[in-house]
PDB file of N, CA and C in Angstrom:
ATOM      1  N   MET A   1      72.040  33.606  -8.171  1.00  0.00           N
ATOM      2  CA  MET A   1      72.243  35.176  -8.326  1.00  0.00           C
ATOM      3  C   MET A   1      70.533  35.711  -8.518  1.00  0.00           C
ATOM      4  N   ASN A   2      70.338  36.378  -8.082  1.00  0.00           N
ATOM      5  CA  ASN A   2      69.187  37.032  -8.231  1.00  0.00           C
ATOM      6  C   ASN A   2      68.897  38.564  -8.540  1.00  0.00           C
ATOM      7  N   ILE A   3      67.939  39.217  -8.893  1.00  0.00           N
ATOM      8  CA  ILE A   3      67.768  40.527  -9.642  1.00  0.00           C
ATOM      9  C   ILE A   3      68.198  41.578  -8.641  1.00  0.00           C
ATOM     10  N   GLU A   4      67.834  41.423  -7.206  1.00  0.00           N
ATOM     11  CA  GLU A   4      68.179  42.197  -6.105  1.00  0.00           C
ATOM     12  C   GLU A   4      69.933  42.105  -6.086  1.00  0.00           C
ATOM     13  N   GLU A   5      70.442  40.963  -6.396  1.00  0.00           N
ATOM     14  CA  GLU A   5      71.819  40.986  -6.112  1.00  0.00           C
ATOM     15  C   GLU A   5      72.687  41.510  -6.730  1.00  0.00           C
ATOM     16  N   ILE A   6      72.205  41.472  -8.482  1.00  0.00           N
ATOM     17  CA  ILE A   6      72.604  42.356  -9.369  1.00  0.00           C
ATOM     18  C   ILE A   6      72.469  43.629  -9.299  1.00  0.00           C
ATOM     19  N   LEU A   7      70.984  44.206  -8.838  1.00  0.00           N
ATOM     20  CA  LEU A   7      71.270  45.740  -8.720  1.00  0.00           C
ATOM     21  C   LEU A   7      71.999  45.744  -7.496  1.00  0.00           C
ATOM     22  N   GLN A   8      72.315  45.355  -6.501  1.00  0.00           N
ATOM     23  CA  GLN A   8      73.476  45.965  -5.464  1.00  0.00           C
ATOM     24  C   GLN A   8      74.696  45.982  -6.051  1.00  0.00           C
ATOM     25  N   LYS A   9      74.909  45.025  -7.152  1.00  0.00           N
ATOM     26  CA  LYS A   9      76.533  44.859  -7.763  1.00  0.00           C
ATOM     27  C   LYS A   9      76.590  46.284  -8.621  1.00  0.00           C
ATOM     28  N   SER A  10      75.535  46.681  -9.344  1.00  0.00           N
ATOM     29  CA  SER A  10      75.130  47.895 -10.357  1.00  0.00           C
ATOM     30  C   SER A  10      75.427  49.263  -9.128  1.00  0.00           C
ATOM     31  N   ILE A  11      75.019  49.249  -7.954  1.00  0.00           N
ATOM     32  CA  ILE A  11      75.184  50.358  -7.380  1.00  0.00           C
ATOM     33  C   ILE A  11      76.747  50.337  -6.860  1.00  0.00           C
ATOM     34  N   ALA A  12      77.237  49.075  -6.373  1.00  0.00           N
ATOM     35  CA  ALA A  12      78.290  48.904  -5.832  1.00  0.00           C
ATOM     36  C   ALA A  12      79.669  48.883  -6.663  1.00  0.00           C
ATOM     37  N   GLU A  13      79.144  49.368  -8.179  1.00  0.00           N
ATOM     38  CA  GLU A  13      80.201  49.352  -8.941  1.00  0.00           C
ATOM     39  C   GLU A  13      81.206  48.062  -9.478  1.00  0.00           C
ATOM     40  N   ASN A  14      80.519  47.070  -9.269  1.00  0.00           N
ATOM     41  CA  ASN A  14      81.131  46.139  -9.478  1.00  0.00           C
ATOM     42  C   ASN A  14      80.040  44.911 -10.231  1.00  0.00           C
ATOM     43  N   LEU A  15      79.532  45.295 -11.291  1.00  0.00           N
ATOM     44  CA  LEU A  15      78.710  44.483 -12.528  1.00  0.00           C
ATOM     45  C   LEU A  15      79.363  44.354 -13.584  1.00  0.00           C
ATOM     46  N   SER A  16      79.470  43.026 -13.887  1.00  0.00           N
ATOM     47  CA  SER A  16      79.779  42.630 -15.005  1.00  0.00           C
ATOM     48  C   SER A  16      78.589  41.852 -16.360  1.00  0.00           C
ATOM     49  N   LEU A  17      79.423  41.463 -17.230  1.00  0.00           N
ATOM     50  CA  LEU A  17      78.626  40.952 -18.301  1.00  0.00           C
ATOM     51  C   LEU A  17      78.253  39.694 -17.683  1.00  0.00           C
ATOM     52  N   ASN A  18      79.459  39.053 -17.133  1.00  0.00           N
ATOM     53  CA  ASN A  18      79.199  37.597 -16.507  1.00  0.00           C
ATOM     54  C   ASN A  18      77.985  37.643 -15.574  1.00  0.00           C
ATOM     55  N   ASP A  19      77.785  38.685 -14.976  1.00  0.00           N
ATOM     56  CA  ASP A  19      76.484  38.774 -13.810  1.00  0.00           C
ATOM     57  C   ASP A  19      75.503  38.674 -14.700  1.00  0.00           C
ATOM     58  N   PHE A  20      75.054  39.307 -15.525  1.00  0.00           N
ATOM     59  CA  PHE A  20      73.958  39.396 -16.458  1.00  0.00           C
ATOM     60  C   PHE A  20      73.821  37.707 -16.954  1.00  0.00           C
ATOM     61  N   GLU A  21      75.141  37.267 -17.815  1.00  0.00           N
ATOM     62  CA  GLU A  21      75.135  35.903 -18.297  1.00  0.00           C
ATOM     63  C   GLU A  21      74.504  34.722 -17.017  1.00  0.00           C
ATOM     64  N   LYS A  22      74.964  34.727 -15.949  1.00  0.00           N
ATOM     65  CA  LYS A  22      74.633  33.921 -15.005  1.00  0.00           C
ATOM     66  C   LYS A  22      73.063  34.065 -14.869  1.00  0.00           C
ATOM     67  N   PHE A  23      72.738  35.306 -14.738  1.00  0.00           N
ATOM     68  CA  PHE A  23      71.171  35.395 -14.160  1.00  0.00           C
ATOM     69  C   PHE A  23      70.329  34.939 -15.489  1.00  0.00           C
ATOM     70  N   SER A  24      70.795  35.463 -16.549  1.00  0.00           N
ATOM     71  CA  SER A  24      69.982  34.912 -17.795  1.00  0.00           C
ATOM     72  C   SER A  24      69.972  33.465 -17.870  1.00  0.00           C
ATOM     73  N   ILE A  25      71.146  32.751 -17.849  1.00  0.00           N
ATOM     74  CA  ILE A  25      70.770  31.368 -17.373  1.00  0.00           C
ATOM     75  C   ILE A  25      70.094  30.736 -16.489  1.00  0.00           C
ATOM     76  N   GLU A  26      70.106  31.298 -15.439  1.00  0.00           N
ATOM     77  CA  GLU A  26      69.392  31.084 -14.189  1.00  0.00           C
ATOM     78  C   GLU A  26      67.754  31.278 -14.443  1.00  0.00           C
ATOM     79  N   GLN A  27      67.667  32.239 -15.359  1.00  0.00           N
ATOM     80  CA  GLN A  27      66.048  32.531 -15.436  1.00  0.00           C
ATOM     81  C   GLN A  27      65.776  32.207 -16.728  1.00  0.00           C
ATOM     82  N   GLY A  28      66.730  31.516 -17.488  1.00  0.00           N
ATOM     83  CA  GLY A  28      66.029  31.016 -18.896  1.00  0.00           C
ATOM     84  C   GLY A  28      65.719  32.280 -19.912  1.00  0.00           C
ATOM     85  N   VAL A  29      66.196  33.216 -19.791  1.00  0.00           N
ATOM     86  CA  VAL A  29      66.006  34.060 -20.306  1.00  0.00           C
ATOM     87  C   VAL A  29      67.462  34.699 -21.296  1.00  0.00           C
ATOM     88  N   LYS A  30      66.934  35.725 -22.610  1.00  0.00           N
ATOM     89  CA  LYS A  30      68.415  36.345 -23.324  1.00  0.00           C
ATOM     90  C   LYS A  30      68.761  37.298 -21.948  1.00  0.00           C
ATOM     91  N   VAL A  31      69.899  37.543 -22.440  1.00  0.00           N
ATOM     92  CA  VAL A  31      71.187  38.394 -22.022  1.00  0.00           C
ATOM     93  C   VAL A  31      70.425  39.921 -22.088  1.00  0.00           C
ATOM     94  N   GLU A  32      69.578  40.007 -23.278  1.00  0.00           N
ATOM     95  CA  GLU A  32      68.774  41.134 -23.318  1.00  0.00           C
ATOM     96  C   GLU A  32      67.895  41.443 -22.470  1.00  0.00           C
ATOM     97  N   GLU A  33      67.190  40.466 -22.152  1.00  0.00           N
ATOM     98  CA  GLU A  33      65.940  40.406 -21.301  1.00  0.00           C
ATOM     99  C   GLU A  33      66.429  40.757 -20.137  1.00  0.00           C
ATOM    100  N   SER A  34      67.671  40.305 -19.514  1.00  0.00           N
ATOM    101  CA  SER A  34      68.323  40.681 -18.454  1.00  0.00           C
ATOM    102  C   SER A  34      68.617  41.970 -18.107  1.00  0.00           C
ATOM    103  N   PHE A  35      69.347  42.813 -18.773  1.00  0.00           N
ATOM    104  CA  PHE A  35      69.161  44.290 -19.057  1.00  0.00           C
ATOM    105  C   PHE A  35      68.113  45.031 -18.957  1.00  0.00           C
ATOM    106  N   ASN A  36      66.987  44.337 -19.503  1.00  0.00           N
ATOM    107  CA  ASN A  36      65.633  45.202 -19.490  1.00  0.00           C
ATOM    108  C   ASN A  36      65.002  44.912 -17.902  1.00  0.00           C
ATOM    109  N   LYS A  37      65.432  43.623 -17.290  1.00  0.00           N
ATOM    110  CA  LYS A  37      64.510  43.172 -15.947  1.00  0.00           C
ATOM    111  C   LYS A  37      65.407  44.028 -15.236  1.00  0.00           C
ATOM    112  N   LEU A  38      66.657  44.320 -14.946  1.00  0.00           N
ATOM    113  CA  LEU A  38      67.357  45.105 -14.156  1.00  0.00           C
ATOM    114  C   LEU A  38      67.062  46.589 -14.488  1.00  0.00           C
ATOM    115  N   SER A  39      67.189  47.331 -15.447  1.00  0.00           N
ATOM    116  CA  SER A  39      66.820  48.560 -15.943  1.00  0.00           C
ATOM    117  C   SER A  39      65.338  48.921 -15.270  1.00  0.00           C
ATOM    118  N   LEU A  40      64.280  47.966 -15.531  1.00  0.00           N
ATOM    119  CA  LEU A  40      62.836  48.137 -14.987  1.00  0.00           C
ATOM    120  C   LEU A  40      62.784  48.217 -13.716  1.00  0.00           C
ATOM    121  N   LEU A  41      63.484  47.346 -12.927  1.00  0.00           N
ATOM    122  CA  LEU A  41      63.536  47.116 -11.693  1.00  0.00           C
ATOM    123  C   LEU A  41      64.131  48.434 -10.889  1.00  0.00           C
ATOM    124  N   ILE A  42      64.901  48.837 -11.386  1.00  0.00           N
ATOM    125  CA  ILE A  42      65.825  50.444 -11.128  1.00  0.00           C
ATOM    126  C   ILE A  42      64.773  51.783 -11.407  1.00  0.00           C
ATOM    127  N   ALA A  43      63.750  51.509 -12.628  1.00  0.00           N
ATOM    128  CA  ALA A  43      63.005  52.607 -12.833  1.00  0.00           C
ATOM    129  C   ALA A  43      61.910  52.420 -11.759  1.00  0.00           C
ATOM    130  N   LYS A  44      61.496  51.323 -11.527  1.00  0.00           N
ATOM    131  CA  LYS A  44      60.488  51.171 -10.388  1.00  0.00           C
ATOM    132  C   LYS A  44      60.587  51.540  -9.372  1.00  0.00           C
ATOM    133  N   LYS A  45      62.018  51.312  -8.702  1.00  0.00           N
ATOM    134  CA  LYS A  45      62.276  51.724  -7.196  1.00  0.00           C
ATOM    135  C   LYS A  45      62.040  52.954  -7.229  1.00  0.00           C
ATOM    136  N   PHE A  46      62.852  53.976  -8.258  1.00  0.00           N
ATOM    137  CA  PHE A  46      63.149  55.039  -8.266  1.00  0.00           C
ATOM    138  C   PHE A  46      61.637  56.011  -8.086  1.00  0.00           C
ATOM    139  N   ASN A  47      60.778  55.212  -9.395  1.00  0.00           N
ATOM    140  CA  ASN A  47      59.253  56.305  -9.261  1.00  0.00           C
ATOM    141  C   ASN A  47      58.664  55.705  -8.015  1.00  0.00           C
ATOM    142  N   ASP A  48      58.930  54.769  -7.454  1.00  0.00           N
ATOM    143  CA  ASP A  48      58.024  54.545  -6.451  1.00  0.00           C
ATOM    144  C   ASP A  48      58.661  55.030  -5.041  1.00  0.00           C
ATOM    145  N   GLY A  49      59.942  55.735  -4.866  1.00  0.00           N
ATOM    146  CA  GLY A  49      60.508  56.524  -4.012  1.00  0.00           C
ATOM    147  C   GLY A  49      61.265  55.318  -3.205  1.00  0.00           C
ATOM    148  N   GLU A  50      61.569  54.276  -3.753  1.00  0.00           N
ATOM    149  CA  GLU A  50      62.652  53.216  -2.958  1.00  0.00           C
ATOM    150  C   GLU A  50      63.933  53.430  -3.148  1.00  0.00           C
ATOM    151  N   MET A  51      64.198  54.184  -4.297  1.00  0.00           N
ATOM    152  CA  MET A  51      65.691  54.290  -4.426  1.00  0.00           C
ATOM    153  C   MET A  51      65.649  56.314  -4.995  1.00  0.00           C
ATOM    154  N   SER A  52      67.072  56.389  -4.491  1.00  0.00           N
ATOM    155  CA  SER A  52      67.172  57.760  -4.811  1.00  0.00           C
ATOM    156  C   SER A  52      67.877  57.755  -6.269  1.00  0.00           C
ATOM    157  N   TYR A  53      67.582  59.342  -6.746  1.00  0.00           N
ATOM    158  CA  TYR A  53      68.100  59.524  -8.036  1.00  0.00           C
ATOM    159  C   TYR A  53      69.406  59.223  -8.282  1.00  0.00           C
ATOM    160  N   GLU A  54      70.039  59.521  -7.203  1.00  0.00           N
ATOM    161  CA  GLU A  54      71.841  58.938  -7.433  1.00  0.00           C
ATOM    162  C   GLU A  54      72.234  57.599  -7.514  1.00  0.00           C
ATOM    163  N   ASP A  55      71.328  56.973  -6.615  1.00  0.00           N
ATOM    164  CA  ASP A  55      71.567  55.342  -6.921  1.00  0.00           C
ATOM    165  C   ASP A  55      71.251  54.817  -8.228  1.00  0.00           C
ATOM    166  N   GLY A  56      70.067  55.427  -8.619  1.00  0.00           N
ATOM    167  CA  GLY A  56      69.528  55.173 -10.051  1.00  0.00           C
ATOM    168  C   GLY A  56      70.210  55.338 -11.175  1.00  0.00           C
ATOM    169  N   ASP A  57      70.741  56.711 -11.264  1.00  0.00           N
ATOM    170  CA  ASP A  57      71.715  57.189 -11.928  1.00  0.00           C
ATOM    171  C   ASP A  57      73.025  55.991 -12.201  1.00  0.00           C
ATOM    172  N   PHE A  58      73.544  56.090 -10.730  1.00  0.00           N
ATOM    173  CA  PHE A  58      75.038  55.324 -10.648  1.00  0.00           C
ATOM    174  C   PHE A  58      74.893  53.867 -11.345  1.00  0.00           C
ATOM    175  N   ALA A  59      73.442  53.322 -11.011  1.00  0.00           N
ATOM    176  CA  ALA A  59      73.394  51.931 -11.410  1.00  0.00           C
ATOM    177  C   ALA A  59      73.025  51.924 -12.778  1.00  0.00           C
ATOM    178  N   MET A  60      72.681  52.867 -13.477  1.00  0.00           N
ATOM    179  CA  MET A  60      72.297  52.949 -14.550  1.00  0.00           C
ATOM    180  C   MET A  60      73.417  53.061 -15.453  1.00  0.00           C
ATOM    181  N   ASN A  61      74.633  53.708 -15.017  1.00  0.00           N
ATOM    182  CA  ASN A  61      75.778  54.578 -15.505  1.00  0.00           C
ATOM    183  C   ASN A  61      76.621  52.891 -15.605  1.00  0.00           C
ATOM    184  N   SER A  62      76.124  52.058 -14.600  1.00  0.00           N
ATOM    185  CA  SER A  62      77.138  50.865 -14.203  1.00  0.00           C
ATOM    186  C   SER A  62      76.253  50.153 -15.317  1.00  0.00           C
ATOM    187  N   VAL A  63      75.037  49.666 -15.778  1.00  0.00           N
ATOM    188  CA  VAL A  63      74.405  48.894 -16.770  1.00  0.00           C
ATOM    189  C   VAL A  63      75.012  49.419 -18.450  1.00  0.00           C
ATOM    190  N   TRP A  64      74.913  50.836 -18.611  1.00  0.00           N
ATOM    191  CA  TRP A  64      75.320  51.337 -19.993  1.00  0.00           C
ATOM    192  C   TRP A  64      76.460  50.752 -20.573  1.00  0.00           C
ATOM    193  N   PRO A  65      77.635  50.759 -20.021  1.00  0.00           N
ATOM    194  CA  PRO A  65      78.788  50.260 -20.679  1.00  0.00           C
ATOM    195  C   PRO A  65      78.624  48.494 -21.127  1.00  0.00           C
ATOM    196  N   ILE A  66      78.075  47.986 -20.148  1.00  0.00           N
ATOM    197  CA  ILE A  66      77.872  46.610 -20.558  1.00  0.00           C
ATOM    198  C   ILE A  66      76.908  46.362 -21.714  1.00  0.00           C
ATOM    199  N   MET A  67      75.767  46.948 -21.494  1.00  0.00           N
ATOM    200  CA  MET A  67      74.767  46.691 -22.324  1.00  0.00           C
ATOM    201  C   MET A  67      75.106  47.449 -23.861  1.00  0.00           C
ATOM    202  N   LEU A  68      75.941  48.467 -23.774  1.00  0.00           N
ATOM    203  CA  LEU A  68      76.510  48.895 -25.390  1.00  0.00           C
ATOM    204  C   LEU A  68      77.639  47.741 -25.807  1.00  0.00           C
ATOM    205  N   ASP A  69      78.560  47.760 -24.996  1.00  0.00           N
ATOM    206  CA  ASP A  69      79.717  46.732 -25.314  1.00  0.00           C
ATOM    207  C   ASP A  69      79.186  45.464 -25.806  1.00  0.00           C
ATOM    208  N   TYR A  70      77.991  44.969 -25.138  1.00  0.00           N
ATOM    209  CA  TYR A  70      77.108  43.394 -25.609  1.00  0.00           C
ATOM    210  C   TYR A  70      76.744  44.000 -27.135  1.00  0.00           C
ATOM    211  N   SER A  71      75.733  44.824 -27.115  1.00  0.00           N
ATOM    212  CA  SER A  71      75.298  45.215 -28.175  1.00  0.00           C
ATOM    213  C   SER A  71      76.139  45.460 -29.287  1.00  0.00           C
ATOM    214  N   MET A  72      77.002  45.870 -29.203  1.00  0.00           N
ATOM    215  CA  MET A  72      77.928  46.237 -30.297  1.00  0.00           C
ATOM    216  C   MET A  72      78.501  44.985 -30.757  1.00  0.00           C
ATOM    217  N   LYS A  73      78.705  44.401 -29.759  1.00  0.00           N
ATOM    218  CA  LYS A  73      79.855  42.786 -30.082  1.00  0.00           C
ATOM    219  C   LYS A  73      78.933  42.004 -30.603  1.00  0.00           C
ATOM    220  N   ASN A  74      77.636  41.867 -30.339  1.00  0.00           N
ATOM    221  CA  ASN A  74      76.583  41.083 -30.999  1.00  0.00           C
ATOM    222  C   ASN A  74      75.871  41.568 -32.348  1.00  0.00           C
ATOM    223  N   ASP A  75      75.998  42.903 -32.482  1.00  0.00           N
ATOM    224  CA  ASP A  75      75.596  43.307 -33.649  1.00  0.00           C
ATOM    225  C   ASP A  75      74.238  43.408 -33.569  1.00  0.00           C
ATOM    226  N   ILE A  76      73.796  44.344 -32.520  1.00  0.00           N
ATOM    227  CA  ILE A  76      72.082  44.109 -32.265  1.00  0.00           C
ATOM    228  C   ILE A  76      72.061  45.390 -32.043  1.00  0.00           C
ATOM    229  N   PRO A  77      70.604  45.640 -32.153  1.00  0.00           N
ATOM    230  CA  PRO A  77      70.505  47.396 -31.595  1.00  0.00           C
ATOM    231  C   PRO A  77      70.438  47.497 -30.123  1.00  0.00           C
ATOM    232  N   LEU A  78      70.646  48.572 -29.745  1.00  0.00           N
ATOM    233  CA  LEU A  78      70.754  48.848 -28.119  1.00  0.00           C
ATOM    234  C   LEU A  78      69.408  48.274 -27.873  1.00  0.00           C
ATOM    235  N   VAL A  79      69.287  47.909 -26.731  1.00  0.00           N
ATOM    236  CA  VAL A  79      68.304  46.998 -26.079  1.00  0.00           C
ATOM    237  C   VAL A  79      67.567  47.900 -25.394  1.00  0.00           C
ATOM    238  N   GLU A  80      65.879  47.989 -25.663  1.00  0.00           N
ATOM    239  CA  GLU A  80      65.293  48.677 -25.052  1.00  0.00           C
ATOM    240  C   GLU A  80      64.446  47.883 -24.318  1.00  0.00           C
ATOM    241  N   PRO A  81      63.605  48.256 -23.071  1.00  0.00           N
ATOM    242  CA  PRO A  81      63.567  49.882 -22.696  1.00  0.00           C
ATOM    243  C   PRO A  81      65.031  50.296 -21.920  1.00  0.00           C
ATOM    244  N   CYS A  82      65.843  49.500 -21.998  1.00  0.00           N
ATOM    245  CA  CYS A  82      67.168  49.582 -21.026  1.00  0.00           C
ATOM    246  C   CYS A  82      67.696  50.927 -21.399  1.00  0.00           C
ATOM    247  N   TYR A  83      67.733  51.215 -22.935  1.00  0.00           N
ATOM    248  CA  TYR A  83      68.643  52.393 -23.030  1.00  0.00           C
ATOM    249  C   TYR A  83      67.737  53.612 -23.014  1.00  0.00           C
ATOM    250  N   GLU A  84      66.281  53.349 -22.885  1.00  0.00           N
ATOM    251  CA  GLU A  84      65.715  54.666 -22.823  1.00  0.00           C
ATOM    252  C   GLU A  84      65.457  55.357 -21.145  1.00  0.00           C
ATOM    253  N   ILE A  85      65.776  53.942 -20.324  1.00  0.00           N
ATOM    254  CA  ILE A  85      65.829  54.554 -18.898  1.00  0.00           C
ATOM    255  C   ILE A  85      67.054  54.703 -18.639  1.00  0.00           C
ATOM    256  N   TYR A  86      68.024  54.274 -19.363  1.00  0.00           N
ATOM    257  CA  TYR A  86      69.362  55.046 -19.062  1.00  0.00           C
ATOM    258  C   TYR A  86      69.586  56.259 -19.698  1.00  0.00           C
ATOM    259  N   CYS A  87      68.863  56.662 -20.756  1.00  0.00           N
ATOM    260  CA  CYS A  87      68.643  58.250 -21.002  1.00  0.00           C
ATOM    261  C   CYS A  87      67.662  59.190 -20.274  1.00  0.00           C
ATOM    262  N   ALA A  88      67.057  58.368 -19.389  1.00  0.00           N
ATOM    263  CA  ALA A  88      66.020  59.091 -18.462  1.00  0.00           C
ATOM    264  C   ALA A  88      67.142  59.739 -17.284  1.00  0.00           C
ATOM    265  N   PHE A  89      67.837  58.527 -16.902  1.00  0.00           N
ATOM    266  CA  PHE A  89      68.307  59.240 -15.798  1.00  0.00           C
ATOM    267  C   PHE A  89      69.534  60.051 -16.057  1.00  0.00           C
ATOM    268  N   ASP A  90      70.516  59.886 -17.429  1.00  0.00           N
ATOM    269  CA  ASP A  90      71.226  60.757 -17.729  1.00  0.00           C
ATOM    270  C   ASP A  90      70.825  62.318 -18.030  1.00  0.00           C
ATOM    271  N   ALA A  91      69.619  62.795 -18.406  1.00  0.00           N
ATOM    272  CA  ALA A  91      68.732  63.573 -18.746  1.00  0.00           C
ATOM    273  C   ALA A  91      68.784  64.460 -17.327  1.00  0.00           C
ATOM    274  N   GLY A  92      69.019  63.979 -16.414  1.00  0.00           N
ATOM    275  CA  GLY A  92      68.765  64.431 -14.875  1.00  0.00           C
ATOM    276  C   GLY A  92      70.011  64.808 -14.576  1.00  0.00           C
ATOM    277  N   GLU A  93      71.302  64.473 -15.213  1.00  0.00           N
ATOM    278  CA  GLU A  93      72.484  64.566 -14.582  1.00  0.00           C
ATOM    279  C   GLU A  93      72.924  66.334 -14.828  1.00  0.00           C
ATOM    280  N   PHE A  94      72.215  66.879 -15.930  1.00  0.00           N
ATOM    281  CA  PHE A  94      72.854  67.978 -16.112  1.00  0.00           C
ATOM    282  C   PHE A  94      71.836  69.314 -16.013  1.00  0.00           C
ATOM    283  N   ASP A  95      72.102  70.538 -16.145  1.00  0.00           N
ATOM    284  CA  ASP A  95      71.268  71.535 -16.152  1.00  0.00           C
ATOM    285  C   ASP A  95      71.090  72.005 -17.488  1.00  0.00           C
ATOM    286  N   HIS A  96      69.714  71.652 -18.233  1.00  0.00           N
ATOM    287  CA  HIS A  96      69.241  71.963 -19.649  1.00  0.00           C
ATOM    288  C   HIS A  96      69.278  73.445 -20.037  1.00  0.00           C
ATOM    289  N   GLY A  97      69.746  74.309 -18.936  1.00  0.00           N
ATOM    290  CA  GLY A  97      69.650  76.108 -19.274  1.00  0.00           C
ATOM    291  C   GLY A  97      68.189  76.540 -19.125  1.00  0.00           C
ATOM    292  N   ASP A  98      67.670  76.010 -18.860  1.00  0.00           N
ATOM    293  CA  ASP A  98      65.936  76.403 -18.330  1.00  0.00           C
ATOM    294  C   ASP A  98      65.389  77.006 -17.095  1.00  0.00           C
ATOM    295  N   GLY A  99      66.628  76.634 -16.099  1.00  0.00           N
ATOM    296  CA  GLY A  99      66.291  76.970 -14.816  1.00  0.00           C
ATOM    297  C   GLY A  99      65.352  75.461 -13.945  1.00  0.00           C
ATOM    298  N   ALA A 100      65.198  74.636 -14.550  1.00  0.00           N
ATOM    299  CA  ALA A 100      64.136  73.778 -13.927  1.00  0.00           C
ATOM    300  C   ALA A 100      64.931  72.441 -13.201  1.00  0.00           C
ATOM    301  N   ASP A 101      64.806  71.900 -12.531  1.00  0.00           N
ATOM    302  CA  ASP A 101      65.288  71.001 -11.627  1.00  0.00           C
ATOM    303  C   ASP A 101      65.335  69.534 -12.855  1.00  0.00           C
ATOM    304  N   PRO A 102      66.706  69.435 -13.437  1.00  0.00           N
ATOM    305  CA  PRO A 102      66.480  68.394 -14.540  1.00  0.00           C
ATOM    306  C   PRO A 102      65.886  66.850 -14.131  1.00  0.00           C
ATOM    307  N   VAL A 103      65.927  66.668 -13.127  1.00  0.00           N
ATOM    308  CA  VAL A 103      65.373  65.212 -12.357  1.00  0.00           C
ATOM    309  C   VAL A 103      63.985  65.375 -12.477  1.00  0.00           C
ATOM    310  N   GLU A 104      63.324  66.216 -12.035  1.00  0.00           N
ATOM    311  CA  GLU A 104      61.777  66.524 -12.064  1.00  0.00           C
ATOM    312  C   GLU A 104      61.412  67.162 -13.259  1.00  0.00           C
ATOM    313  N   LYS A 105      61.964  67.733 -14.178  1.00  0.00           N
ATOM    314  CA  LYS A 105      61.275  67.865 -15.555  1.00  0.00           C
ATOM    315  C   LYS A 105      61.983  66.965 -16.538  1.00  0.00           C
ATOM    316  N   TYR A 106      62.868  66.259 -16.489  1.00  0.00           N
ATOM    317  CA  TYR A 106      63.105  65.380 -17.207  1.00  0.00           C
ATOM    318  C   TYR A 106      63.091  64.057 -17.191  1.00  0.00           C
ATOM    319  N   THR A 107      63.880  63.526 -15.865  1.00  0.00           N
ATOM    320  CA  THR A 107      63.865  62.071 -15.698  1.00  0.00           C
ATOM    321  C   THR A 107      62.684  61.368 -15.173  1.00  0.00           C
ATOM    322  N   VAL A 108      62.162  62.162 -14.060  1.00  0.00           N
ATOM    323  CA  VAL A 108      60.748  61.667 -13.560  1.00  0.00           C
ATOM    324  C   VAL A 108      59.695  61.481 -14.513  1.00  0.00           C
ATOM    325  N   PRO A 109      59.319  62.327 -15.424  1.00  0.00           N
ATOM    326  CA  PRO A 109      58.185  61.844 -16.451  1.00  0.00           C
ATOM    327  C   PRO A 109      58.827  60.779 -17.401  1.00  0.00           C
ATOM    328  N   ALA A 110      59.973  60.750 -17.738  1.00  0.00           N
ATOM    329  CA  ALA A 110      60.434  59.799 -18.801  1.00  0.00           C
ATOM    330  C   ALA A 110      60.562  58.613 -18.021  1.00  0.00           C
ATOM    331  N   ILE A 111      60.809  58.514 -17.063  1.00  0.00           N
ATOM    332  CA  ILE A 111      60.804  57.047 -16.284  1.00  0.00           C
ATOM    333  C   ILE A 111      59.242  56.525 -16.025  1.00  0.00           C
ATOM    334  N   ARG A 112      58.621  57.667 -15.682  1.00  0.00           N
ATOM    335  CA  ARG A 112      56.867  56.935 -15.681  1.00  0.00           C
ATOM    336  C   ARG A 112      56.294  56.636 -17.196  1.00  0.00           C
ATOM    337  N   ALA A 113      56.805  57.264 -18.054  1.00  0.00           N
ATOM    338  CA  ALA A 113      56.242  56.873 -19.589  1.00  0.00           C
ATOM    339  C   ALA A 113      56.888  55.587 -19.884  1.00  0.00           C
ATOM    340  N   VAL A 114      58.081  55.263 -19.264  1.00  0.00           N
ATOM    341  CA  VAL A 114      58.755  53.875 -19.970  1.00  0.00           C
ATOM    342  C   VAL A 114      57.966  52.507 -18.973  1.00  0.00           C
ATOM    343  N   LEU A 115      57.607  53.217 -17.942  1.00  0.00           N
ATOM    344  CA  LEU A 115      56.944  52.167 -16.843  1.00  0.00           C
ATOM    345  C   LEU A 115      55.473  52.305 -17.508  1.00  0.00           C
ATOM    346  N   GLU A 116      54.801  53.217 -17.956  1.00  0.00           N
ATOM    347  CA  GLU A 116      53.604  52.869 -18.438  1.00  0.00           C
ATOM    348  C   GLU A 116      53.510  51.992 -19.606  1.00  0.00           C
ATOM    349  N   ASN A 117      54.674  52.167 -20.430  1.00  0.00           N
ATOM    350  CA  ASN A 117      54.519  51.094 -21.717  1.00  0.00           C
ATOM    351  C   ASN A 117      55.169  49.663 -21.488  1.00  0.00           C
ATOM    352  N   ALA A 118      55.699  49.645 -20.418  1.00  0.00           N
ATOM    353  CA  ALA A 118      56.617  48.345 -20.019  1.00  0.00           C
ATOM    354  C   ALA A 118      55.348  46.940 -20.101  1.00  0.00           C
TER     355      ALA A 118
END
């Protein structure tokens, strides 16, 4: 399984912890790193105009409950920058009451900041 396959599963809403575990074993990395690899790929594709906001948001909404459950079961902090990327997409989901496009005002700069620090 490669990262693009995991990305497609996240968009198709059939992503599971098992997918991250398999990928982690194949890549020789921790599951936490696999969460970050996928999240950073989503952020990069969105930032580069290769993925719509809707697909990126949907993909991160697929990752979020798996990462949260994994973090809680393993008594570890939320995985960063995965969580920060999730929050950036989440911020674009609703009107903040300031009349601005929430994706342009909140998501785009937050994603750029994460990518600059990755």
